[in-house]
C-alpha atoms as a PDB file:
ATOM      1  CA  MET A   1      11.327   8.197 -10.455  1.00  0.00           C
ATOM      2  CA  ARG A   2      15.055   9.309 -10.580  1.00  0.00           C
ATOM      3  CA  SER A   3      17.619   9.975  -8.116  1.00  0.00           C
ATOM      4  CA  ALA A   4      18.850  13.637  -7.585  1.00  0.00           C
ATOM      5  CA  PRO A   5      21.672  14.686  -9.987  1.00  0.00           C
ATOM      6  CA  PRO A   6      25.273  14.767  -8.836  1.00  0.00           C
ATOM      7  CA  GLY A   7      25.968  17.937  -6.902  1.00  0.00           C
ATOM      8  CA  SER A   8      22.410  18.215  -5.646  1.00  0.00           C
ATOM      9  CA  ALA A   9      22.042  19.840  -2.166  1.00  0.00           C
ATOM     10  CA  GLU A  10      19.771  16.901  -1.121  1.00  0.00           C
ATOM     11  CA  SER A  11      21.151  14.363   1.297  1.00  0.00           C
ATOM     12  CA  ALA A  12      21.094  10.688   0.420  1.00  0.00           C
ATOM     13  CA  ALA A  13      18.225  10.257   3.007  1.00  0.00           C
ATOM     14  CA  ASP A  14      16.144  12.737   1.035  1.00  0.00           C
ATOM     15  CA  LEU A  15      16.474  11.068  -2.355  1.00  0.00           C
ATOM     16  CA  THR A  16      13.535   9.376  -3.858  1.00  0.00           C
ATOM     17  CA  PRO A  17      14.024   5.547  -3.948  1.00  0.00           C
ATOM     18  CA  GLU A  18      14.767   4.350  -7.400  1.00  0.00           C
ATOM     19  CA  VAL A  19      11.817   2.458  -8.817  1.00  0.00           C
ATOM     20  CA  VAL A  20      12.650  -0.676 -10.799  1.00  0.00           C
ATOM     21  CA  ILE A  21       9.091  -1.774 -11.763  1.00  0.00           C
ATOM     22  CA  HIS A  22       6.414   0.828 -12.340  1.00  0.00           C
ATOM     23  CA  THR A  23       3.052   0.407 -13.915  1.00  0.00           C
ATOM     24  CA  GLU A  24       0.156   2.898 -14.498  1.00  0.00           C
ATOM     25  CA  GLY A  25      -3.330   1.543 -15.176  1.00  0.00           C
ATOM     26  CA  LEU A  26      -1.992  -1.801 -16.402  1.00  0.00           C
ATOM     27  CA  THR A  27      -4.900  -3.784 -17.852  1.00  0.00           C
ATOM     28  CA  LYS A  28      -5.233  -6.958 -19.790  1.00  0.00           C
ATOM     29  CA  LEU A  29      -8.483  -8.180 -21.426  1.00  0.00           C
ATOM     30  CA  PHE A  30      -8.838 -11.670 -22.938  1.00  0.00           C
ATOM     31  CA  ALA A  31     -11.422 -12.898 -25.399  1.00  0.00           C
ATOM     32  CA  GLY A  32     -14.991 -12.514 -24.346  1.00  0.00           C
ATOM     33  CA  GLY A  33     -14.129  -9.343 -22.282  1.00  0.00           C
ATOM     34  CA  VAL A  34     -12.443 -11.296 -19.450  1.00  0.00           C
ATOM     35  CA  ARG A  35     -10.521  -8.572 -17.411  1.00  0.00           C
ATOM     36  CA  ALA A  36      -7.623 -10.614 -15.978  1.00  0.00           C
ATOM     37  CA  VAL A  37      -5.735  -7.443 -14.958  1.00  0.00           C
ATOM     38  CA  ASP A  38      -7.697  -4.371 -14.089  1.00  0.00           C
ATOM     39  CA  GLY A  39      -5.930  -0.992 -14.019  1.00  0.00           C
ATOM     40  CA  ILE A  40      -3.063  -1.746 -11.442  1.00  0.00           C
ATOM     41  CA  ASP A  41      -0.443   0.692 -10.393  1.00  0.00           C
ATOM     42  CA  LEU A  42       2.587  -1.248  -9.267  1.00  0.00           C
ATOM     43  CA  GLU A  43       5.717   0.270  -7.656  1.00  0.00           C
ATOM     44  CA  VAL A  44       8.742  -1.879  -6.806  1.00  0.00           C
ATOM     45  CA  GLN A  45      11.711  -0.113  -5.402  1.00  0.00           C
ATOM     46  CA  ARG A  46      15.378  -1.024  -5.912  1.00  0.00           C
ATOM     47  CA  GLY A  47      16.400  -3.373  -3.031  1.00  0.00           C
ATOM     48  CA  ASP A  48      12.896  -4.609  -2.374  1.00  0.00           C
ATOM     49  CA  VAL A  49      11.869  -8.269  -1.891  1.00  0.00           C
ATOM     50  CA  TYR A  50       8.314  -7.610  -3.218  1.00  0.00           C
ATOM     51  CA  GLY A  51       5.684 -10.283  -2.415  1.00  0.00           C
ATOM     52  CA  PHE A  52       3.005 -10.241  -5.136  1.00  0.00           C
ATOM     53  CA  LEU A  53       0.089 -12.051  -3.528  1.00  0.00           C
ATOM     54  CA  GLY A  54      -3.233 -13.309  -4.676  1.00  0.00           C
ATOM     55  CA  ALA A  55      -5.373 -16.507  -5.043  1.00  0.00           C
ATOM     56  CA  ASN A  56      -4.895 -18.728  -8.059  1.00  0.00           C
ATOM     57  CA  GLY A  57      -6.777 -17.092 -10.932  1.00  0.00           C
ATOM     58  CA  SER A  58      -6.324 -13.508  -9.428  1.00  0.00           C
ATOM     59  CA  GLY A  59      -4.244 -12.309 -12.381  1.00  0.00           C
ATOM     60  CA  LYS A  60      -0.681 -12.655 -10.962  1.00  0.00           C
ATOM     61  CA  THR A  61       0.781 -14.609 -13.676  1.00  0.00           C
ATOM     62  CA  THR A  62      -0.706 -12.450 -16.409  1.00  0.00           C
ATOM     63  CA  THR A  63       0.770  -9.485 -14.672  1.00  0.00           C
ATOM     64  CA  VAL A  64       4.270 -10.980 -14.691  1.00  0.00           C
ATOM     65  CA  ARG A  65       3.958 -11.979 -18.331  1.00  0.00           C
ATOM     66  CA  CYS A  66       2.980  -8.413 -19.136  1.00  0.00           C
ATOM     67  CA  LEU A  67       5.919  -7.085 -17.229  1.00  0.00           C
ATOM     68  CA  LEU A  68       8.246  -9.250 -19.103  1.00  0.00           C
ATOM     69  CA  GLY A  69       6.699  -8.585 -22.528  1.00  0.00           C
ATOM     70  CA  LEU A  70       5.568 -12.196 -22.924  1.00  0.00           C
ATOM     71  CA  VAL A  71       1.979 -10.963 -23.457  1.00  0.00           C
ATOM     72  CA  LEU A  72       0.963  -7.452 -24.584  1.00  0.00           C
ATOM     73  CA  ALA A  73      -1.133  -5.350 -22.145  1.00  0.00           C
ATOM     74  CA  THR A  74      -4.454  -4.040 -23.497  1.00  0.00           C
ATOM     75  CA  SER A  75      -3.767  -0.678 -22.017  1.00  0.00           C
ATOM     76  CA  GLY A  76      -1.600   1.086 -19.485  1.00  0.00           C
ATOM     77  CA  ARG A  77       2.071   1.826 -19.120  1.00  0.00           C
ATOM     78  CA  ILE A  78       4.928  -0.398 -17.887  1.00  0.00           C
ATOM     79  CA  GLU A  79       8.499   0.507 -17.010  1.00  0.00           C
ATOM     80  CA  VAL A  80      11.104  -1.931 -15.900  1.00  0.00           C
ATOM     81  CA  LEU A  81      14.632  -0.807 -14.784  1.00  0.00           C
ATOM     82  CA  GLY A  82      13.577   2.764 -15.946  1.00  0.00           C
ATOM     83  CA  GLU A  83      12.713   1.713 -19.472  1.00  0.00           C
ATOM     84  CA  ALA A  84       9.430   1.254 -21.331  1.00  0.00           C
ATOM     85  CA  MET A  85       8.297  -2.347 -21.767  1.00  0.00           C
ATOM     86  CA  PRO A  86       7.968  -4.196 -24.108  1.00  0.00           C
ATOM     87  CA  ARG A  87       9.401  -1.501 -26.511  1.00  0.00           C
ATOM     88  CA  ARG A  88      12.808  -1.566 -24.816  1.00  0.00           C
ATOM     89  CA  GLY A  89      12.888  -5.330 -24.066  1.00  0.00           C
ATOM     90  CA  ALA A  90      16.088  -5.851 -25.905  1.00  0.00           C
ATOM     91  CA  SER A  91      18.039  -3.674 -23.530  1.00  0.00           C
ATOM     92  CA  VAL A  92      15.952  -4.610 -20.426  1.00  0.00           C
ATOM     93  CA  LEU A  93      15.521  -8.272 -20.403  1.00  0.00           C
ATOM     94  CA  PRO A  94      19.251  -9.277 -20.297  1.00  0.00           C
ATOM     95  CA  ARG A  95      19.323  -7.501 -16.912  1.00  0.00           C
ATOM     96  CA  VAL A  96      16.395  -9.440 -15.581  1.00  0.00           C
ATOM     97  CA  GLY A  97      16.354 -12.943 -14.428  1.00  0.00           C
ATOM     98  CA  ALA A  98      12.887 -14.611 -14.659  1.00  0.00           C
ATOM     99  CA  LEU A  99      11.226 -17.835 -13.692  1.00  0.00           C
ATOM    100  CA  VAL A 100       7.690 -18.029 -14.975  1.00  0.00           C
ATOM    101  CA  GLU A 101       5.475 -21.064 -14.655  1.00  0.00           C
ATOM    102  CA  GLY A 102       7.131 -24.427 -15.706  1.00  0.00           C
ATOM    103  CA  PRO A 103      10.682 -23.805 -16.912  1.00  0.00           C
ATOM    104  CA  ALA A 104      11.553 -25.368 -20.239  1.00  0.00           C
ATOM    105  CA  ALA A 105      14.479 -27.579 -20.847  1.00  0.00           C
ATOM    106  CA  TYR A 106      15.803 -30.177 -23.283  1.00  0.00           C
ATOM    107  CA  GLY A 107      15.186 -33.487 -21.556  1.00  0.00           C
ATOM    108  CA  HIS A 108      18.068 -35.372 -23.223  1.00  0.00           C
ATOM    109  CA  LEU A 109      20.665 -32.765 -22.185  1.00  0.00           C
ATOM    110  CA  SER A 110      22.159 -32.289 -18.777  1.00  0.00           C
ATOM    111  CA  GLY A 111      21.128 -29.474 -16.474  1.00  0.00           C
ATOM    112  CA  HIS A 112      24.566 -27.851 -17.033  1.00  0.00           C
ATOM    113  CA  ARG A 113      24.397 -28.074 -20.894  1.00  0.00           C
ATOM    114  CA  ASN A 114      20.872 -26.613 -20.799  1.00  0.00           C
ATOM    115  CA  LEU A 115      22.066 -23.608 -18.860  1.00  0.00           C
ATOM    116  CA  VAL A 116      25.010 -23.045 -21.231  1.00  0.00           C
ATOM    117  CA  LEU A 117      22.835 -23.257 -24.274  1.00  0.00           C
ATOM    118  CA  GLN A 118      20.113 -20.919 -22.866  1.00  0.00           C
ATOM    119  CA  ASP A 119      22.794 -18.367 -21.903  1.00  0.00           C
ATOM    120  CA  ALA A 120      24.454 -18.536 -25.285  1.00  0.00           C
ATOM    121  CA  SER A 121      21.178 -17.874 -27.121  1.00  0.00           C
ATOM    122  CA  GLY A 122      20.037 -15.047 -24.851  1.00  0.00           C
ATOM    123  CA  ARG A 123      19.940 -11.421 -26.032  1.00  0.00           C
ATOM    124  CA  ARG A 124      22.256  -8.945 -24.505  1.00  0.00           C
ATOM    125  CA  PRO A 125      22.468  -5.154 -24.296  1.00  0.00           C
ATOM    126  CA  GLN A 126      24.582  -3.545 -27.024  1.00  0.00           C
ATOM    127  CA  GLY A 127      28.233  -3.678 -26.095  1.00  0.00           C
ATOM    128  CA  GLN A 128      27.806  -6.421 -23.384  1.00  0.00           C
ATOM    129  CA  LEU A 129      29.707  -9.536 -24.189  1.00  0.00           C
ATOM    130  CA  GLY A 130      28.322 -12.898 -23.349  1.00  0.00           C
ATOM    131  CA  GLY A 131      31.695 -14.580 -22.679  1.00  0.00           C
ATOM    132  CA  GLY A 132      33.282 -17.757 -24.212  1.00  0.00           C
ATOM    133  CA  ARG A 133      32.049 -21.337 -23.698  1.00  0.00           C
ATOM    134  CA  LYS A 134      34.309 -21.667 -20.677  1.00  0.00           C
ATOM    135  CA  ASP A 135      32.974 -18.569 -19.057  1.00  0.00           C
ATOM    136  CA  ARG A 136      29.393 -19.768 -19.614  1.00  0.00           C
ATOM    137  CA  GLY A 137      30.300 -23.172 -18.263  1.00  0.00           C
ATOM    138  CA  ASP A 138      31.752 -21.658 -15.078  1.00  0.00           C
ATOM    139  CA  ARG A 139      28.707 -19.635 -14.486  1.00  0.00           C
ATOM    140  CA  ALA A 140      26.455 -22.570 -15.090  1.00  0.00           C
ATOM    141  CA  THR A 141      28.402 -24.634 -12.610  1.00  0.00           C
ATOM    142  CA  GLU A 142      28.177 -21.704 -10.025  1.00  0.00           C
ATOM    143  CA  ALA A 143      24.394 -21.317 -10.701  1.00  0.00           C
ATOM    144  CA  LEU A 144      23.737 -25.028 -10.201  1.00  0.00           C
ATOM    145  CA  ALA A 145      25.591 -25.042  -6.875  1.00  0.00           C
ATOM    146  CA  GLN A 146      23.628 -21.946  -5.694  1.00  0.00           C
ATOM    147  CA  VAL A 147      20.245 -23.846  -6.200  1.00  0.00           C
ATOM    148  CA  GLY A 148      21.417 -27.119  -4.734  1.00  0.00           C
ATOM    149  CA  LEU A 149      21.855 -29.035  -8.051  1.00  0.00           C
ATOM    150  CA  GLY A 150      25.626 -29.160  -8.059  1.00  0.00           C
ATOM    151  CA  ALA A 151      25.711 -32.913  -7.646  1.00  0.00           C
ATOM    152  CA  VAL A 152      23.189 -33.686 -10.418  1.00  0.00           C
ATOM    153  CA  GLY A 153      24.126 -31.004 -13.006  1.00  0.00           C
ATOM    154  CA  SER A 154      25.583 -33.629 -15.341  1.00  0.00           C
ATOM    155  CA  ARG A 155      22.448 -35.739 -15.333  1.00  0.00           C
ATOM    156  CA  PRO A 156      19.834 -35.633 -18.139  1.00  0.00           C
ATOM    157  CA  VAL A 157      17.005 -33.368 -17.265  1.00  0.00           C
ATOM    158  CA  ARG A 158      14.415 -36.044 -18.162  1.00  0.00           C
ATOM    159  CA  GLY A 159      15.457 -37.727 -14.827  1.00  0.00           C
ATOM    160  CA  TYR A 160      14.796 -34.589 -12.824  1.00  0.00           C
ATOM    161  CA  SER A 161      11.858 -34.358 -10.399  1.00  0.00           C
ATOM    162  CA  LEU A 162       9.448 -31.387 -10.561  1.00  0.00           C
ATOM    163  CA  GLY A 163      11.349 -29.784  -7.745  1.00  0.00           C
ATOM    164  CA  MET A 164      14.678 -30.251  -9.480  1.00  0.00           C
ATOM    165  CA  ARG A 165      13.305 -28.789 -12.651  1.00  0.00           C
ATOM    166  CA  GLN A 166      12.009 -25.702 -10.629  1.00  0.00           C
ATOM    167  CA  ARG A 167      15.576 -25.352  -9.151  1.00  0.00           C
ATOM    168  CA  LEU A 168      17.071 -25.633 -12.767  1.00  0.00           C
ATOM    169  CA  GLY A 169      14.694 -22.765 -13.865  1.00  0.00           C
ATOM    170  CA  LEU A 170      15.927 -20.671 -11.005  1.00  0.00           C
ATOM    171  CA  ALA A 171      19.577 -21.438 -11.910  1.00  0.00           C
ATOM    172  CA  ALA A 172      18.777 -20.162 -15.465  1.00  0.00           C
ATOM    173  CA  ALA A 173      17.401 -16.930 -13.958  1.00  0.00           C
ATOM    174  CA  LEU A 174      20.700 -16.435 -12.127  1.00  0.00           C
ATOM    175  CA  MET A 175      23.106 -17.127 -14.873  1.00  0.00           C
ATOM    176  CA  ARG A 176      23.674 -13.408 -15.678  1.00  0.00           C
ATOM    177  CA  GLN A 177      23.668 -12.138 -12.105  1.00  0.00           C
ATOM    178  CA  PRO A 178      20.620 -10.009 -12.831  1.00  0.00           C
ATOM    179  CA  GLU A 179      19.682  -6.764 -11.195  1.00  0.00           C
ATOM    180  CA  LEU A 180      16.083  -7.840 -10.958  1.00  0.00           C
ATOM    181  CA  LEU A 181      14.646 -11.253 -10.374  1.00  0.00           C
ATOM    182  CA  VAL A 182      11.012 -11.838 -11.375  1.00  0.00           C
ATOM    183  CA  LEU A 183       9.725 -15.125  -9.956  1.00  0.00           C
ATOM    184  CA  ASP A 184       6.363 -16.851 -10.441  1.00  0.00           C
ATOM    185  CA  GLU A 185       5.764 -19.442  -7.753  1.00  0.00           C
ATOM    186  CA  PRO A 186       9.538 -20.355  -7.435  1.00  0.00           C
ATOM    187  CA  THR A 187       8.943 -23.043  -4.779  1.00  0.00           C
ATOM    188  CA  ASN A 188       6.391 -25.031  -6.676  1.00  0.00           C
ATOM    189  CA  GLY A 189       7.106 -28.717  -6.313  1.00  0.00           C
ATOM    190  CA  LEU A 190       9.763 -28.302  -3.522  1.00  0.00           C
ATOM    191  CA  ASP A 191       9.713 -30.054  -0.223  1.00  0.00           C
ATOM    192  CA  PRO A 192      10.015 -28.090   3.108  1.00  0.00           C
ATOM    193  CA  GLN A 193      13.721 -28.231   3.132  1.00  0.00           C
ATOM    194  CA  GLY A 194      13.868 -27.170  -0.523  1.00  0.00           C
ATOM    195  CA  ILE A 195      11.600 -24.306   0.171  1.00  0.00           C
ATOM    196  CA  ARG A 196      13.805 -23.151   3.107  1.00  0.00           C
ATOM    197  CA  GLU A 197      17.015 -23.458   0.964  1.00  0.00           C
ATOM    198  CA  ILE A 198      15.421 -21.312  -1.871  1.00  0.00           C
ATOM    199  CA  ARG A 199      14.369 -18.660   0.741  1.00  0.00           C
ATOM    200  CA  GLU A 200      17.817 -18.525   2.202  1.00  0.00           C
ATOM    201  CA  LEU A 201      19.311 -18.103  -1.345  1.00  0.00           C
ATOM    202  CA  LEU A 202      16.913 -15.370  -2.282  1.00  0.00           C
ATOM    203  CA  SER A 203      17.673 -13.532   1.042  1.00  0.00           C
ATOM    204  CA  ALA A 204      21.364 -13.749   0.262  1.00  0.00           C
ATOM    205  CA  LEU A 205      20.911 -12.477  -3.332  1.00  0.00           C
ATOM    206  CA  ASN A 206      18.906  -9.541  -1.975  1.00  0.00           C
ATOM    207  CA  ARG A 207      21.582  -8.649   0.688  1.00  0.00           C
ATOM    208  CA  THR A 208      24.038  -8.342  -2.204  1.00  0.00           C
ATOM    209  CA  GLY A 209      21.848  -5.953  -4.082  1.00  0.00           C
ATOM    210  CA  THR A 210      19.358  -8.002  -6.241  1.00  0.00           C
ATOM    211  CA  THR A 211      15.801  -6.715  -6.278  1.00  0.00           C
ATOM    212  CA  ILE A 212      13.218  -9.536  -6.192  1.00  0.00           C
ATOM    213  CA  PHE A 213       9.665  -9.591  -7.379  1.00  0.00           C
ATOM    214  CA  LEU A 214       8.073 -12.846  -6.113  1.00  0.00           C
ATOM    215  CA  SER A 215       4.619 -13.794  -7.219  1.00  0.00           C
ATOM    216  CA  SER A 216       3.123 -16.455  -4.769  1.00  0.00           C
ATOM    217  CA  HIS A 217       0.067 -17.671  -3.026  1.00  0.00           C
ATOM    218  CA  LEU A 218       2.034 -19.043  -0.046  1.00  0.00           C
ATOM    219  CA  LEU A 219       1.527 -16.416   2.617  1.00  0.00           C
ATOM    220  CA  ALA A 220       3.854 -18.045   5.177  1.00  0.00           C
ATOM    221  CA  GLU A 221       6.846 -17.916   2.886  1.00  0.00           C
ATOM    222  CA  VAL A 222       6.071 -14.352   1.731  1.00  0.00           C
ATOM    223  CA  GLU A 223       5.775 -13.325   5.404  1.00  0.00           C
ATOM    224  CA  GLN A 224       9.350 -14.714   6.220  1.00  0.00           C
ATOM    225  CA  LEU A 225      11.073 -13.368   3.126  1.00  0.00           C
ATOM    226  CA  CYS A 226       9.379 -10.192   1.734  1.00  0.00           C
ATOM    227  CA  THR A 227       9.752  -6.517   2.634  1.00  0.00           C
ATOM    228  CA  ARG A 228       6.784  -5.035   0.663  1.00  0.00           C
ATOM    229  CA  ILE A 229       3.406  -6.620  -0.217  1.00  0.00           C
ATOM    230  CA  GLY A 230       1.102  -6.117  -3.211  1.00  0.00           C
ATOM    231  CA  LEU A 231      -2.245  -7.953  -2.974  1.00  0.00           C
ATOM    232  CA  LEU A 232      -4.199  -8.757  -6.173  1.00  0.00           C
ATOM    233  CA  ASP A 233      -7.848  -9.745  -5.888  1.00  0.00           C
ATOM    234  CA  ARG A 234      -9.804 -10.448  -9.104  1.00  0.00           C
ATOM    235  CA  GLY A 235      -7.290  -8.485 -11.159  1.00  0.00           C
ATOM    236  CA  GLN A 236      -7.400  -5.422  -8.973  1.00  0.00           C
ATOM    237  CA  LEU A 237      -4.420  -4.329  -6.749  1.00  0.00           C
ATOM    238  CA  VAL A 238      -6.228  -3.909  -3.338  1.00  0.00           C
ATOM    239  CA  LEU A 239      -3.059  -3.430  -1.183  1.00  0.00           C
ATOM    240  CA  GLN A 240       0.485  -2.225  -1.522  1.00  0.00           C
ATOM    241  CA  GLU A 241       2.380  -1.576   1.629  1.00  0.00           C
ATOM    242  CA  PRO A 242       5.697  -2.340   3.436  1.00  0.00           C
ATOM    243  CA  LEU A 243       5.322  -5.571   5.361  1.00  0.00           C
ATOM    244  CA  ALA A 244       6.674  -3.871   8.588  1.00  0.00           C
ATOM    245  CA  ARG A 245       3.949  -1.264   8.433  1.00  0.00           C
ATOM    246  CA  LEU A 246       1.158  -3.862   7.922  1.00  0.00           C
ATOM    247  CA  ARG A 247       2.518  -5.920  10.892  1.00  0.00           C
ATOM    248  CA  ALA A 248       3.187  -3.128  13.256  1.00  0.00           C
ATOM    249  CA  PRO A 249       1.749  -3.450  16.784  1.00  0.00           C
ATOM    250  CA  THR A 250      -1.937  -2.676  17.005  1.00  0.00           C
ATOM    251  CA  GLY A 251      -1.850  -1.189  20.497  1.00  0.00           C
ATOM    252  CA  ARG A 252      -3.442  -4.217  21.960  1.00  0.00           C
ATOM    253  CA  VAL A 253      -1.793  -6.896  24.177  1.00  0.00           C
ATOM    254  CA  VAL A 254      -2.217 -10.643  23.713  1.00  0.00           C
ATOM    255  CA  VAL A 255      -2.261 -12.639  26.951  1.00  0.00           C
ATOM    256  CA  VAL A 256      -2.244 -16.376  27.144  1.00  0.00           C
ATOM    257  CA  SER A 257      -3.050 -17.823  30.543  1.00  0.00           C
ATOM    258  CA  PRO A 258      -4.345 -21.169  31.987  1.00  0.00           C
ATOM    259  CA  ASP A 259      -6.322 -18.890  34.361  1.00  0.00           C
ATOM    260  CA  ALA A 260      -7.915 -16.910  31.475  1.00  0.00           C
ATOM    261  CA  ALA A 261     -11.374 -16.795  33.113  1.00  0.00           C
ATOM    262  CA  ARG A 262      -9.929 -15.267  36.337  1.00  0.00           C
ATOM    263  CA  ALA A 263      -7.819 -12.823  34.161  1.00  0.00           C
ATOM    264  CA  ALA A 264     -10.924 -11.715  32.205  1.00  0.00           C
ATOM    265  CA  ALA A 265     -12.879 -11.113  35.456  1.00  0.00           C
ATOM    266  CA  LEU A 266     -10.084  -9.015  36.948  1.00  0.00           C
ATOM    267  CA  LEU A 267      -9.458  -6.936  33.749  1.00  0.00           C
ATOM    268  CA  GLY A 268     -13.222  -6.429  33.026  1.00  0.00           C
ATOM    269  CA  GLY A 269     -13.977  -4.154  30.192  1.00  0.00           C
ATOM    270  CA  CYS A 270     -10.336  -4.027  29.060  1.00  0.00           C
ATOM    271  CA  VAL A 271     -10.705  -7.419  27.480  1.00  0.00           C
ATOM    272  CA  GLU A 272     -11.826  -7.140  23.939  1.00  0.00           C
ATOM    273  CA  HIS A 273     -11.936 -10.817  23.122  1.00  0.00           C
ATOM    274  CA  ARG A 274     -11.453 -14.168  24.841  1.00  0.00           C
ATOM    275  CA  ASP A 275     -10.785 -17.467  22.986  1.00  0.00           C
ATOM    276  CA  GLY A 276     -10.004 -20.262  25.387  1.00  0.00           C
ATOM    277  CA  GLU A 277      -6.749 -19.377  27.222  1.00  0.00           C
ATOM    278  CA  ARG A 278      -6.054 -16.409  24.897  1.00  0.00           C
ATOM    279  CA  LEU A 279      -7.152 -12.853  25.741  1.00  0.00           C
ATOM    280  CA  LEU A 280      -6.969  -9.620  23.729  1.00  0.00           C
ATOM    281  CA  VAL A 281      -6.605  -6.745  26.032  1.00  0.00           C
ATOM    282  CA  LYS A 282      -6.747  -3.017  24.964  1.00  0.00           C
ATOM    283  CA  GLY A 283      -5.344   0.120  26.497  1.00  0.00           C
ATOM    284  CA  ALA A 284      -2.641  -1.582  28.607  1.00  0.00           C
ATOM    285  CA  GLU A 285       1.161  -1.432  28.777  1.00  0.00           C
ATOM    286  CA  PRO A 286       2.457  -5.000  28.650  1.00  0.00           C
ATOM    287  CA  ALA A 287       4.823  -4.653  31.681  1.00  0.00           C
ATOM    288  CA  VAL A 288       2.117  -3.108  33.821  1.00  0.00           C
ATOM    289  CA  LEU A 289      -0.440  -5.614  32.788  1.00  0.00           C
ATOM    290  CA  ASN A 290       1.985  -8.575  33.409  1.00  0.00           C
ATOM    291  CA  ALA A 291       2.664  -7.172  36.961  1.00  0.00           C
ATOM    292  CA  ARG A 292      -1.008  -6.796  37.747  1.00  0.00           C
ATOM    293  CA  LEU A 293      -1.860 -10.372  36.582  1.00  0.00           C
ATOM    294  CA  VAL A 294       1.088 -11.977  38.477  1.00  0.00           C
ATOM    295  CA  SER A 295       0.431  -9.981  41.678  1.00  0.00           C
ATOM    296  CA  ASN A 296      -3.151 -11.379  41.640  1.00  0.00           C
ATOM    297  CA  GLY A 297      -1.952 -14.905  41.389  1.00  0.00           C
ATOM    298  CA  ILE A 298      -2.801 -15.395  37.715  1.00  0.00           C
ATOM    299  CA  ARG A 299      -0.418 -17.583  35.690  1.00  0.00           C
ATOM    300  CA  VAL A 300       0.867 -16.079  32.465  1.00  0.00           C
ATOM    301  CA  SER A 301       2.246 -18.372  29.638  1.00  0.00           C
ATOM    302  CA  GLU A 302       2.544 -15.579  27.045  1.00  0.00           C
ATOM    303  CA  LEU A 303       2.201 -11.875  26.919  1.00  0.00           C
ATOM    304  CA  GLY A 304       3.094  -9.380  24.340  1.00  0.00           C
ATOM    305  CA  PRO A 305       1.911  -6.740  21.796  1.00  0.00           C
ATOM    306  CA  GLU A 306      -0.526  -7.969  19.253  1.00  0.00           C
ATOM    307  CA  ARG A 307       0.895  -7.961  15.601  1.00  0.00           C
ATOM    308  CA  ARG A 308      -1.510  -8.961  12.825  1.00  0.00           C
ATOM    309  CA  ARG A 309      -0.628 -11.937  10.701  1.00  0.00           C
ATOM    310  CA  LEU A 310      -0.332 -11.504   7.111  1.00  0.00           C
ATOM    311  CA  GLU A 311      -3.115 -14.088   6.628  1.00  0.00           C
ATOM    312  CA  ASP A 312      -5.449 -11.906   8.650  1.00  0.00           C
ATOM    313  CA  ILE A 313      -4.588  -8.800   6.625  1.00  0.00           C
ATOM    314  CA  VAL A 314      -5.215 -10.583   3.358  1.00  0.00           C
ATOM    315  CA  GLU A 315      -8.475 -12.114   4.555  1.00  0.00           C
ATOM    316  CA  GLU A 316      -9.647  -8.671   5.692  1.00  0.00           C
ATOM    317  CA  ARG A 317      -8.772  -6.869   2.491  1.00  0.00           C
ATOM    318  CA  THR A 318     -10.370  -9.526   0.122  1.00  0.00           C
ATOM    319  CA  ARG A 319     -13.424  -9.831   2.376  1.00  0.00           C
ATOM    320  CA  ARG A 320     -14.150  -6.151   1.949  1.00  0.00           C
ATOM    321  CA  ARG A 321     -14.741  -6.930  -1.772  1.00  0.00           C
ATOM    322  CA  SER A 322     -16.589 -10.201  -1.402  1.00  0.00           C
ATOM    323  CA  GLY A 323     -20.040  -8.708  -2.032  1.00  0.00           C
ATOM    324  CA  GLU A 324     -18.925  -7.358  -5.391  1.00  0.00           C
ATOM    325  CA  VAL A 325     -19.880  -9.221  -8.520  1.00  0.00           C
ATOM    326  CA  PRO A 326     -16.659 -10.843 -10.077  1.00  0.00           C
ATOM    327  CA  ARG A 327     -15.599  -9.566 -13.384  1.00  0.00           C
END
């Protein structure tokens, strides 16, 4: 999809969002007829933080590797940053930062030196200069600081923990200030503080214009960070929606009360479900419902519109297919 040409009568609000990752019927077969990716149609728009979800073995990493030209798709079409992949990889990949599976590094060299060497050997679009050694060194120092490795950048990588190596891989992806970041399980090996720091870094990068495609099985992290969701189940894309739409209020009200039994008796058929102190009430305005409960002497600990959790949505969509024979 392309933006309207200069001088078009369309307003900015009417323009079709620019698509930075687009696939049609993307399929990957492995030996023995194993269908790892089964005809998926991805659409990632500029400015997205796109959460690519799925259980281990669902085909997420294979999809990512196809997008980056690391493996060839069996069939289908792939466009990244408006250009065909892998045919136009030489012009596309220098604009993309990627962290896929375990990042490789020379163990006897420092983290800083690894970044400088990787950047010096990378391909760049025609006419784009890579900068001199000092420029690469400055950018390596900045990237290490961004991912929290500034204090250990001079140490040999063989002494890095798994989490530190993961941070180093992310630093390598940031070296060229990419338009698009493609990340496969970027918080693997990180402790809770490290996960929070990476989440804050990715949010900051997105605010400055970087589009992020994040493959993960950690629903809580995706729910806190991502704006759009794609769910892969046994190689098929079963969901692709804005997260805000998925988590919009359902029209029901959640009530938590130590007097749940009395509240249920008062509300009668309006109560759809009761689980201990928690009630799910249909057809009620929260303010009116609260006033009614309190006026009848019922204590209310919590009351508000029901919003579905991402975990519930994922479980529902995958459960629909649970009766199918796996491919």
